[in-house]
PDB file of N, CA and C in Angstrom:
ATOM      1  N   UNK A   1       8.344  19.203 -31.437  1.00  0.00           N
ATOM      2  CA  UNK A   1       9.034  17.847 -31.790  1.00  0.00           C
ATOM      3  C   UNK A   1      10.383  17.701 -31.104  1.00  0.00           C
ATOM      4  N   UNK A   2      10.475  17.170 -29.914  1.00  0.00           N
ATOM      5  CA  UNK A   2      11.551  17.027 -29.069  1.00  0.00           C
ATOM      6  C   UNK A   2      12.476  15.717 -29.751  1.00  0.00           C
ATOM      7  N   UNK A   3      13.759  15.926 -29.929  1.00  0.00           N
ATOM      8  CA  UNK A   3      14.518  15.003 -30.414  1.00  0.00           C
ATOM      9  C   UNK A   3      15.013  14.091 -29.067  1.00  0.00           C
ATOM     10  N   UNK A   4      14.667  12.808 -29.098  1.00  0.00           N
ATOM     11  CA  UNK A   4      15.033  12.023 -27.936  1.00  0.00           C
ATOM     12  C   UNK A   4      15.479  10.665 -28.487  1.00  0.00           C
ATOM     13  N   UNK A   5      15.862   9.737 -27.501  1.00  0.00           N
ATOM     14  CA  UNK A   5      16.412   8.441 -27.872  1.00  0.00           C
ATOM     15  C   UNK A   5      15.294   7.644 -28.565  1.00  0.00           C
ATOM     16  N   UNK A   6      14.043   7.541 -28.256  1.00  0.00           N
ATOM     17  CA  UNK A   6      13.072   6.788 -29.020  1.00  0.00           C
ATOM     18  C   UNK A   6      12.912   7.446 -30.485  1.00  0.00           C
ATOM     19  N   UNK A   7      13.063   8.776 -30.448  1.00  0.00           N
ATOM     20  CA  UNK A   7      12.987   9.383 -32.000  1.00  0.00           C
ATOM     21  C   UNK A   7      14.110   8.778 -32.810  1.00  0.00           C
ATOM     22  N   UNK A   8      15.405   8.778 -32.152  1.00  0.00           N
ATOM     23  CA  UNK A   8      16.502   8.286 -32.991  1.00  0.00           C
ATOM     24  C   UNK A   8      16.302   6.822 -33.450  1.00  0.00           C
ATOM     25  N   UNK A   9      15.792   6.062 -32.440  1.00  0.00           N
ATOM     26  CA  UNK A   9      15.488   4.577 -32.808  1.00  0.00           C
ATOM     27  C   UNK A   9      14.403   4.553 -33.888  1.00  0.00           C
ATOM     28  N   UNK A  10      13.472   5.189 -33.788  1.00  0.00           N
ATOM     29  CA  UNK A  10      12.383   5.234 -34.887  1.00  0.00           C
ATOM     30  C   UNK A  10      12.936   5.644 -36.142  1.00  0.00           C
ATOM     31  N   UNK A  11      13.740   6.647 -36.326  1.00  0.00           N
ATOM     32  CA  UNK A  11      14.464   7.189 -37.570  1.00  0.00           C
ATOM     33  C   UNK A  11      15.423   6.099 -38.078  1.00  0.00           C
ATOM     34  N   UNK A  12      16.365   5.632 -37.115  1.00  0.00           N
ATOM     35  CA  UNK A  12      17.093   4.528 -37.601  1.00  0.00           C
ATOM     36  C   UNK A  12      16.455   3.335 -38.121  1.00  0.00           C
ATOM     37  N   UNK A  13      15.352   2.869 -37.597  1.00  0.00           N
ATOM     38  CA  UNK A  13      14.620   1.735 -38.142  1.00  0.00           C
ATOM     39  C   UNK A  13      14.203   2.123 -39.439  1.00  0.00           C
ATOM     40  N   UNK A  14      13.771   3.419 -39.672  1.00  0.00           N
ATOM     41  CA  UNK A  14      13.056   3.746 -41.049  1.00  0.00           C
ATOM     42  C   UNK A  14      14.302   3.748 -42.025  1.00  0.00           C
ATOM     43  N   UNK A  15      15.342   4.333 -41.623  1.00  0.00           N
ATOM     44  CA  UNK A  15      16.520   4.510 -42.705  1.00  0.00           C
ATOM     45  C   UNK A  15      16.999   3.070 -42.918  1.00  0.00           C
ATOM     46  N   UNK A  16      17.060   2.107 -41.930  1.00  0.00           N
ATOM     47  CA  UNK A  16      17.648   0.870 -42.382  1.00  0.00           C
ATOM     48  C   UNK A  16      16.731   0.064 -43.158  1.00  0.00           C
ATOM     49  N   UNK A  17      15.384   0.146 -42.993  1.00  0.00           N
ATOM     50  CA  UNK A  17      14.536  -0.583 -43.870  1.00  0.00           C
ATOM     51  C   UNK A  17      14.452   0.012 -45.271  1.00  0.00           C
ATOM     52  N   UNK A  18      14.506   1.488 -45.361  1.00  0.00           N
ATOM     53  CA  UNK A  18      14.567   1.871 -46.660  1.00  0.00           C
ATOM     54  C   UNK A  18      15.922   1.558 -47.384  1.00  0.00           C
ATOM     55  N   UNK A  19      17.071   1.578 -46.623  1.00  0.00           N
ATOM     56  CA  UNK A  19      18.306   1.098 -47.425  1.00  0.00           C
ATOM     57  C   UNK A  19      18.201  -0.283 -47.822  1.00  0.00           C
ATOM     58  N   UNK A  20      17.692  -1.102 -46.882  1.00  0.00           N
ATOM     59  CA  UNK A  20      17.486  -2.576 -47.316  1.00  0.00           C
ATOM     60  C   UNK A  20      16.648  -2.653 -48.551  1.00  0.00           C
ATOM     61  N   UNK A  21      15.582  -1.852 -48.650  1.00  0.00           N
ATOM     62  CA  UNK A  21      14.636  -1.828 -49.863  1.00  0.00           C
ATOM     63  C   UNK A  21      15.405  -1.410 -51.033  1.00  0.00           C
ATOM     64  N   UNK A  22      16.136  -0.420 -50.940  1.00  0.00           N
ATOM     65  CA  UNK A  22      16.967   0.132 -52.131  1.00  0.00           C
ATOM     66  C   UNK A  22      18.031  -0.872 -52.715  1.00  0.00           C
ATOM     67  N   UNK A  23      18.759  -1.446 -51.598  1.00  0.00           N
ATOM     68  CA  UNK A  23      19.658  -2.368 -51.994  1.00  0.00           C
ATOM     69  C   UNK A  23      19.215  -3.653 -52.594  1.00  0.00           C
ATOM     70  N   UNK A  24      17.996  -4.249 -52.124  1.00  0.00           N
ATOM     71  CA  UNK A  24      17.352  -5.347 -52.726  1.00  0.00           C
ATOM     72  C   UNK A  24      16.584  -4.986 -54.139  1.00  0.00           C
ATOM     73  N   UNK A  25      16.183  -3.762 -54.148  1.00  0.00           N
ATOM     74  CA  UNK A  25      15.728  -3.394 -55.510  1.00  0.00           C
ATOM     75  C   UNK A  25      16.935  -3.327 -56.613  1.00  0.00           C
ATOM     76  N   UNK A  26      17.986  -2.806 -56.183  1.00  0.00           N
ATOM     77  CA  UNK A  26      19.099  -2.651 -57.144  1.00  0.00           C
ATOM     78  C   UNK A  26      19.668  -4.001 -57.389  1.00  0.00           C
ATOM     79  N   UNK A  27      19.652  -4.945 -56.470  1.00  0.00           N
ATOM     80  CA  UNK A  27      20.098  -6.315 -56.731  1.00  0.00           C
ATOM     81  C   UNK A  27      19.083  -6.964 -57.742  1.00  0.00           C
ATOM     82  N   UNK A  28      17.785  -6.663 -57.458  1.00  0.00           N
ATOM     83  CA  UNK A  28      16.686  -7.472 -58.388  1.00  0.00           C
ATOM     84  C   UNK A  28      16.997  -6.775 -59.777  1.00  0.00           C
ATOM     85  N   UNK A  29      17.225  -5.572 -59.952  1.00  0.00           N
ATOM     86  CA  UNK A  29      17.355  -4.836 -61.318  1.00  0.00           C
ATOM     87  C   UNK A  29      18.476  -5.527 -62.006  1.00  0.00           C
ATOM     88  N   UNK A  30      19.653  -5.900 -61.385  1.00  0.00           N
ATOM     89  CA  UNK A  30      20.630  -6.474 -61.877  1.00  0.00           C
ATOM     90  C   UNK A  30      20.518  -8.087 -62.268  1.00  0.00           C
ATOM     91  N   UNK A  31      19.846  -8.786 -61.398  1.00  0.00           N
ATOM     92  CA  UNK A  31      19.819 -10.152 -61.575  1.00  0.00           C
ATOM     93  C   UNK A  31      18.365 -10.704 -62.092  1.00  0.00           C
ATOM     94  N   UNK A  32      17.424  -9.914 -61.799  1.00  0.00           N
ATOM     95  CA  UNK A  32      15.959 -10.332 -62.103  1.00  0.00           C
ATOM     96  C   UNK A  32      15.370 -11.414 -61.395  1.00  0.00           C
ATOM     97  N   UNK A  33      16.110 -11.731 -60.228  1.00  0.00           N
ATOM     98  CA  UNK A  33      15.666 -12.871 -59.358  1.00  0.00           C
ATOM     99  C   UNK A  33      14.471 -12.386 -58.686  1.00  0.00           C
ATOM    100  N   UNK A  34      13.406 -13.026 -58.928  1.00  0.00           N
ATOM    101  CA  UNK A  34      11.976 -12.646 -58.380  1.00  0.00           C
ATOM    102  C   UNK A  34      11.891 -12.612 -56.814  1.00  0.00           C
ATOM    103  N   UNK A  35      12.649 -13.311 -56.215  1.00  0.00           N
ATOM    104  CA  UNK A  35      12.634 -13.254 -54.722  1.00  0.00           C
ATOM    105  C   UNK A  35      13.284 -12.030 -54.205  1.00  0.00           C
ATOM    106  N   UNK A  36      14.210 -11.375 -54.933  1.00  0.00           N
ATOM    107  CA  UNK A  36      14.597 -10.231 -54.639  1.00  0.00           C
ATOM    108  C   UNK A  36      13.642  -9.049 -54.858  1.00  0.00           C
ATOM    109  N   UNK A  37      12.826  -9.175 -55.887  1.00  0.00           N
ATOM    110  CA  UNK A  37      11.623  -8.195 -56.096  1.00  0.00           C
ATOM    111  C   UNK A  37      10.747  -8.231 -54.899  1.00  0.00           C
ATOM    112  N   UNK A  38      10.387  -9.382 -54.512  1.00  0.00           N
ATOM    113  CA  UNK A  38       9.351  -9.563 -53.403  1.00  0.00           C
ATOM    114  C   UNK A  38       9.928  -9.104 -52.076  1.00  0.00           C
ATOM    115  N   UNK A  39      11.190  -9.354 -51.828  1.00  0.00           N
ATOM    116  CA  UNK A  39      11.805  -8.741 -50.608  1.00  0.00           C
ATOM    117  C   UNK A  39      11.942  -7.312 -50.637  1.00  0.00           C
ATOM    118  N   UNK A  40      12.316  -6.704 -51.876  1.00  0.00           N
ATOM    119  CA  UNK A  40      12.417  -5.209 -52.035  1.00  0.00           C
ATOM    120  C   UNK A  40      10.973  -4.504 -51.575  1.00  0.00           C
ATOM    121  N   UNK A  41      10.057  -5.276 -52.151  1.00  0.00           N
ATOM    122  CA  UNK A  41       8.599  -4.778 -51.951  1.00  0.00           C
ATOM    123  C   UNK A  41       8.206  -4.905 -50.471  1.00  0.00           C
ATOM    124  N   UNK A  42       8.637  -5.970 -49.837  1.00  0.00           N
ATOM    125  CA  UNK A  42       8.372  -6.218 -48.508  1.00  0.00           C
ATOM    126  C   UNK A  42       8.988  -5.075 -47.777  1.00  0.00           C
ATOM    127  N   UNK A  43      10.324  -4.743 -47.996  1.00  0.00           N
ATOM    128  CA  UNK A  43      11.009  -3.902 -47.131  1.00  0.00           C
ATOM    129  C   UNK A  43      10.591  -2.373 -47.404  1.00  0.00           C
ATOM    130  N   UNK A  44      10.088  -2.091 -48.655  1.00  0.00           N
ATOM    131  CA  UNK A  44       9.533  -0.825 -49.023  1.00  0.00           C
ATOM    132  C   UNK A  44       8.385  -0.533 -48.011  1.00  0.00           C
ATOM    133  N   UNK A  45       7.465  -1.618 -47.973  1.00  0.00           N
ATOM    134  CA  UNK A  45       6.320  -1.473 -47.061  1.00  0.00           C
ATOM    135  C   UNK A  45       6.682  -1.472 -45.795  1.00  0.00           C
ATOM    136  N   UNK A  46       7.692  -2.033 -45.267  1.00  0.00           N
ATOM    137  CA  UNK A  46       8.245  -2.111 -43.810  1.00  0.00           C
ATOM    138  C   UNK A  46       8.807  -0.553 -43.618  1.00  0.00           C
ATOM    139  N   UNK A  47       9.485   0.065 -44.627  1.00  0.00           N
ATOM    140  CA  UNK A  47       9.845   1.373 -44.356  1.00  0.00           C
ATOM    141  C   UNK A  47       8.630   2.380 -44.268  1.00  0.00           C
ATOM    142  N   UNK A  48       7.634   2.102 -45.081  1.00  0.00           N
ATOM    143  CA  UNK A  48       6.557   2.926 -45.002  1.00  0.00           C
ATOM    144  C   UNK A  48       5.792   2.835 -43.524  1.00  0.00           C
ATOM    145  N   UNK A  49       5.895   1.620 -43.055  1.00  0.00           N
ATOM    146  CA  UNK A  49       5.435   1.291 -41.642  1.00  0.00           C
ATOM    147  C   UNK A  49       6.312   2.047 -40.640  1.00  0.00           C
ATOM    148  N   UNK A  50       7.458   2.080 -40.839  1.00  0.00           N
ATOM    149  CA  UNK A  50       8.327   2.806 -39.865  1.00  0.00           C
ATOM    150  C   UNK A  50       8.057   4.218 -40.138  1.00  0.00           C
ATOM    151  N   UNK A  51       8.065   4.863 -41.191  1.00  0.00           N
ATOM    152  CA  UNK A  51       7.663   6.224 -41.366  1.00  0.00           C
ATOM    153  C   UNK A  51       6.389   6.604 -40.611  1.00  0.00           C
ATOM    154  N   UNK A  52       5.370   5.749 -40.637  1.00  0.00           N
ATOM    155  CA  UNK A  52       4.061   6.094 -40.012  1.00  0.00           C
ATOM    156  C   UNK A  52       4.335   5.849 -38.464  1.00  0.00           C
ATOM    157  N   UNK A  53       5.072   4.987 -38.168  1.00  0.00           N
ATOM    158  CA  UNK A  53       5.457   5.089 -36.606  1.00  0.00           C
ATOM    159  C   UNK A  53       6.199   6.287 -36.204  1.00  0.00           C
ATOM    160  N   UNK A  54       7.024   6.989 -37.031  1.00  0.00           N
ATOM    161  CA  UNK A  54       7.489   8.207 -36.731  1.00  0.00           C
ATOM    162  C   UNK A  54       6.415   9.271 -36.530  1.00  0.00           C
ATOM    163  N   UNK A  55       5.570   9.281 -37.517  1.00  0.00           N
ATOM    164  CA  UNK A  55       4.459  10.293 -37.383  1.00  0.00           C
ATOM    165  C   UNK A  55       3.496  10.019 -36.286  1.00  0.00           C
ATOM    166  N   UNK A  56       3.355   8.714 -36.031  1.00  0.00           N
ATOM    167  CA  UNK A  56       2.454   8.322 -34.828  1.00  0.00           C
ATOM    168  C   UNK A  56       2.943   8.692 -33.599  1.00  0.00           C
ATOM    169  N   UNK A  57       4.182   8.352 -33.302  1.00  0.00           N
ATOM    170  CA  UNK A  57       4.946   8.448 -32.000  1.00  0.00           C
ATOM    171  C   UNK A  57       5.580   9.921 -31.797  1.00  0.00           C
ATOM    172  N   UNK A  58       5.990  10.582 -32.829  1.00  0.00           N
ATOM    173  CA  UNK A  58       6.870  11.781 -32.619  1.00  0.00           C
ATOM    174  C   UNK A  58       6.052  12.971 -33.113  1.00  0.00           C
ATOM    175  N   UNK A  59       5.618  12.940 -34.330  1.00  0.00           N
ATOM    176  CA  UNK A  59       5.180  14.106 -35.022  1.00  0.00           C
ATOM    177  C   UNK A  59       3.689  14.535 -34.580  1.00  0.00           C
ATOM    178  N   UNK A  60       2.783  13.527 -34.690  1.00  0.00           N
ATOM    179  CA  UNK A  60       1.437  13.697 -34.238  1.00  0.00           C
ATOM    180  C   UNK A  60       1.007  12.817 -33.165  1.00  0.00           C
ATOM    181  N   UNK A  61       1.604  12.797 -32.013  1.00  0.00           N
ATOM    182  CA  UNK A  61       1.159  11.874 -30.844  1.00  0.00           C
ATOM    183  C   UNK A  61      -0.239  11.736 -30.481  1.00  0.00           C
ATOM    184  N   UNK A  62      -0.993  12.832 -30.814  1.00  0.00           N
ATOM    185  CA  UNK A  62      -2.424  12.916 -30.457  1.00  0.00           C
ATOM    186  C   UNK A  62      -3.301  12.196 -31.333  1.00  0.00           C
ATOM    187  N   UNK A  63      -2.699  11.842 -32.592  1.00  0.00           N
ATOM    188  CA  UNK A  63      -3.494  10.965 -33.566  1.00  0.00           C
ATOM    189  C   UNK A  63      -3.126   9.706 -33.660  1.00  0.00           C
ATOM    190  N   UNK A  64      -4.152   8.779 -33.690  1.00  0.00           N
ATOM    191  CA  UNK A  64      -3.804   7.276 -33.683  1.00  0.00           C
ATOM    192  C   UNK A  64      -3.765   6.787 -35.083  1.00  0.00           C
ATOM    193  N   UNK A  65      -2.514   6.415 -35.408  1.00  0.00           N
ATOM    194  CA  UNK A  65      -2.216   5.734 -36.753  1.00  0.00           C
ATOM    195  C   UNK A  65      -1.973   4.364 -36.693  1.00  0.00           C
ATOM    196  N   UNK A  66      -2.561   3.718 -35.629  1.00  0.00           N
ATOM    197  CA  UNK A  66      -2.372   2.379 -35.378  1.00  0.00           C
ATOM    198  C   UNK A  66      -2.935   1.330 -36.478  1.00  0.00           C
ATOM    199  N   UNK A  67      -3.945   1.820 -37.082  1.00  0.00           N
ATOM    200  CA  UNK A  67      -4.627   0.990 -38.198  1.00  0.00           C
ATOM    201  C   UNK A  67      -3.711   1.096 -39.332  1.00  0.00           C
ATOM    202  N   UNK A  68      -3.170   2.160 -39.702  1.00  0.00           N
ATOM    203  CA  UNK A  68      -2.225   2.421 -40.816  1.00  0.00           C
ATOM    204  C   UNK A  68      -1.073   1.551 -40.637  1.00  0.00           C
ATOM    205  N   UNK A  69      -0.517   1.603 -39.537  1.00  0.00           N
ATOM    206  CA  UNK A  69       0.723   0.944 -39.113  1.00  0.00           C
ATOM    207  C   UNK A  69       0.477  -0.767 -39.302  1.00  0.00           C
ATOM    208  N   UNK A  70      -0.760  -1.087 -38.744  1.00  0.00           N
ATOM    209  CA  UNK A  70      -0.829  -2.516 -39.002  1.00  0.00           C
ATOM    210  C   UNK A  70      -1.087  -3.034 -40.354  1.00  0.00           C
ATOM    211  N   UNK A  71      -1.755  -1.966 -41.019  1.00  0.00           N
ATOM    212  CA  UNK A  71      -2.057  -2.367 -42.489  1.00  0.00           C
ATOM    213  C   UNK A  71      -0.860  -2.358 -43.311  1.00  0.00           C
ATOM    214  N   UNK A  72       0.098  -1.518 -43.028  1.00  0.00           N
ATOM    215  CA  UNK A  72       1.434  -1.608 -43.825  1.00  0.00           C
ATOM    216  C   UNK A  72       2.176  -2.737 -43.385  1.00  0.00           C
ATOM    217  N   UNK A  73       2.234  -3.216 -42.152  1.00  0.00           N
ATOM    218  CA  UNK A  73       2.959  -4.379 -41.741  1.00  0.00           C
ATOM    219  C   UNK A  73       2.285  -5.665 -42.360  1.00  0.00           C
ATOM    220  N   UNK A  74       0.969  -5.809 -42.330  1.00  0.00           N
ATOM    221  CA  UNK A  74       0.305  -7.023 -42.812  1.00  0.00           C
ATOM    222  C   UNK A  74       0.512  -6.954 -44.403  1.00  0.00           C
ATOM    223  N   UNK A  75       0.500  -5.833 -44.992  1.00  0.00           N
ATOM    224  CA  UNK A  75       0.829  -5.823 -46.502  1.00  0.00           C
ATOM    225  C   UNK A  75       2.279  -6.216 -46.821  1.00  0.00           C
ATOM    226  N   UNK A  76       3.143  -5.837 -46.026  1.00  0.00           N
ATOM    227  CA  UNK A  76       4.571  -6.325 -46.253  1.00  0.00           C
ATOM    228  C   UNK A  76       4.729  -7.780 -46.014  1.00  0.00           C
ATOM    229  N   UNK A  77       4.228  -8.388 -44.890  1.00  0.00           N
ATOM    230  CA  UNK A  77       4.343  -9.877 -44.676  1.00  0.00           C
ATOM    231  C   UNK A  77       3.615 -10.433 -45.796  1.00  0.00           C
ATOM    232  N   UNK A  78       2.477 -10.100 -46.188  1.00  0.00           N
ATOM    233  CA  UNK A  78       1.756 -10.719 -47.249  1.00  0.00           C
ATOM    234  C   UNK A  78       2.461 -10.754 -48.670  1.00  0.00           C
ATOM    235  N   UNK A  79       2.952  -9.717 -48.989  1.00  0.00           N
ATOM    236  CA  UNK A  79       3.779  -9.729 -50.280  1.00  0.00           C
ATOM    237  C   UNK A  79       4.799 -10.650 -50.086  1.00  0.00           C
ATOM    238  N   UNK A  80       5.567 -10.638 -49.079  1.00  0.00           N
ATOM    239  CA  UNK A  80       6.754 -11.622 -48.974  1.00  0.00           C
ATOM    240  C   UNK A  80       6.303 -12.992 -49.010  1.00  0.00           C
ATOM    241  N   UNK A  81       5.132 -13.228 -48.375  1.00  0.00           N
ATOM    242  CA  UNK A  81       4.561 -14.620 -48.295  1.00  0.00           C
ATOM    243  C   UNK A  81       4.089 -14.967 -49.571  1.00  0.00           C
ATOM    244  N   UNK A  82       3.382 -14.118 -50.398  1.00  0.00           N
ATOM    245  CA  UNK A  82       2.855 -14.495 -51.741  1.00  0.00           C
ATOM    246  C   UNK A  82       4.158 -14.804 -52.611  1.00  0.00           C
ATOM    247  N   UNK A  83       5.209 -14.047 -52.405  1.00  0.00           N
ATOM    248  CA  UNK A  83       6.402 -14.260 -53.217  1.00  0.00           C
ATOM    249  C   UNK A  83       6.957 -15.552 -53.038  1.00  0.00           C
ATOM    250  N   UNK A  84       7.115 -15.898 -51.735  1.00  0.00           N
ATOM    251  CA  UNK A  84       7.632 -17.313 -51.434  1.00  0.00           C
ATOM    252  C   UNK A  84       6.777 -18.281 -52.108  1.00  0.00           C
ATOM    253  N   UNK A  85       5.544 -18.342 -51.852  1.00  0.00           N
ATOM    254  CA  UNK A  85       4.491 -19.402 -52.353  1.00  0.00           C
ATOM    255  C   UNK A  85       4.692 -19.311 -53.914  1.00  0.00           C
ATOM    256  N   UNK A  86       4.565 -18.306 -54.516  1.00  0.00           N
ATOM    257  CA  UNK A  86       4.520 -18.135 -55.924  1.00  0.00           C
ATOM    258  C   UNK A  86       5.918 -18.735 -56.578  1.00  0.00           C
ATOM    259  N   UNK A  87       7.055 -18.357 -56.034  1.00  0.00           N
ATOM    260  CA  UNK A  87       8.320 -18.848 -56.592  1.00  0.00           C
ATOM    261  C   UNK A  87       8.641 -20.507 -56.197  1.00  0.00           C
ATOM    262  N   UNK A  88       7.806 -20.872 -55.167  1.00  0.00           N
ATOM    263  CA  UNK A  88       7.901 -22.204 -54.749  1.00  0.00           C
ATOM    264  C   UNK A  88       7.143 -23.152 -55.838  1.00  0.00           C
ATOM    265  N   UNK A  89       6.105 -22.668 -56.367  1.00  0.00           N
ATOM    266  CA  UNK A  89       5.266 -23.428 -57.244  1.00  0.00           C
ATOM    267  C   UNK A  89       5.936 -23.574 -58.673  1.00  0.00           C
ATOM    268  N   UNK A  90       6.845 -22.745 -59.054  1.00  0.00           N
ATOM    269  CA  UNK A  90       7.541 -22.834 -60.379  1.00  0.00           C
ATOM    270  C   UNK A  90       8.754 -23.511 -60.373  1.00  0.00           C
TER     271      UNK A  90
END
């Protein structure tokens, strides 16, 4: 596993989305605003997506994780969209 510029970018993307998820989760815990919960769940799934990108592109480049990456990205957007629609109805 060679450390290169793309590896650093993938790692920083994962760390950034994980930090956003943690900060949003902490803000939700304090205020109980549901939009923060949905956003925290979305960023958690995006962090998982970025972790799978690291495994796909750096750790195991011979294995195709594209389906898993797309599934986590779709789940992240779906969770956030569901949260927006659900909070809009109330």
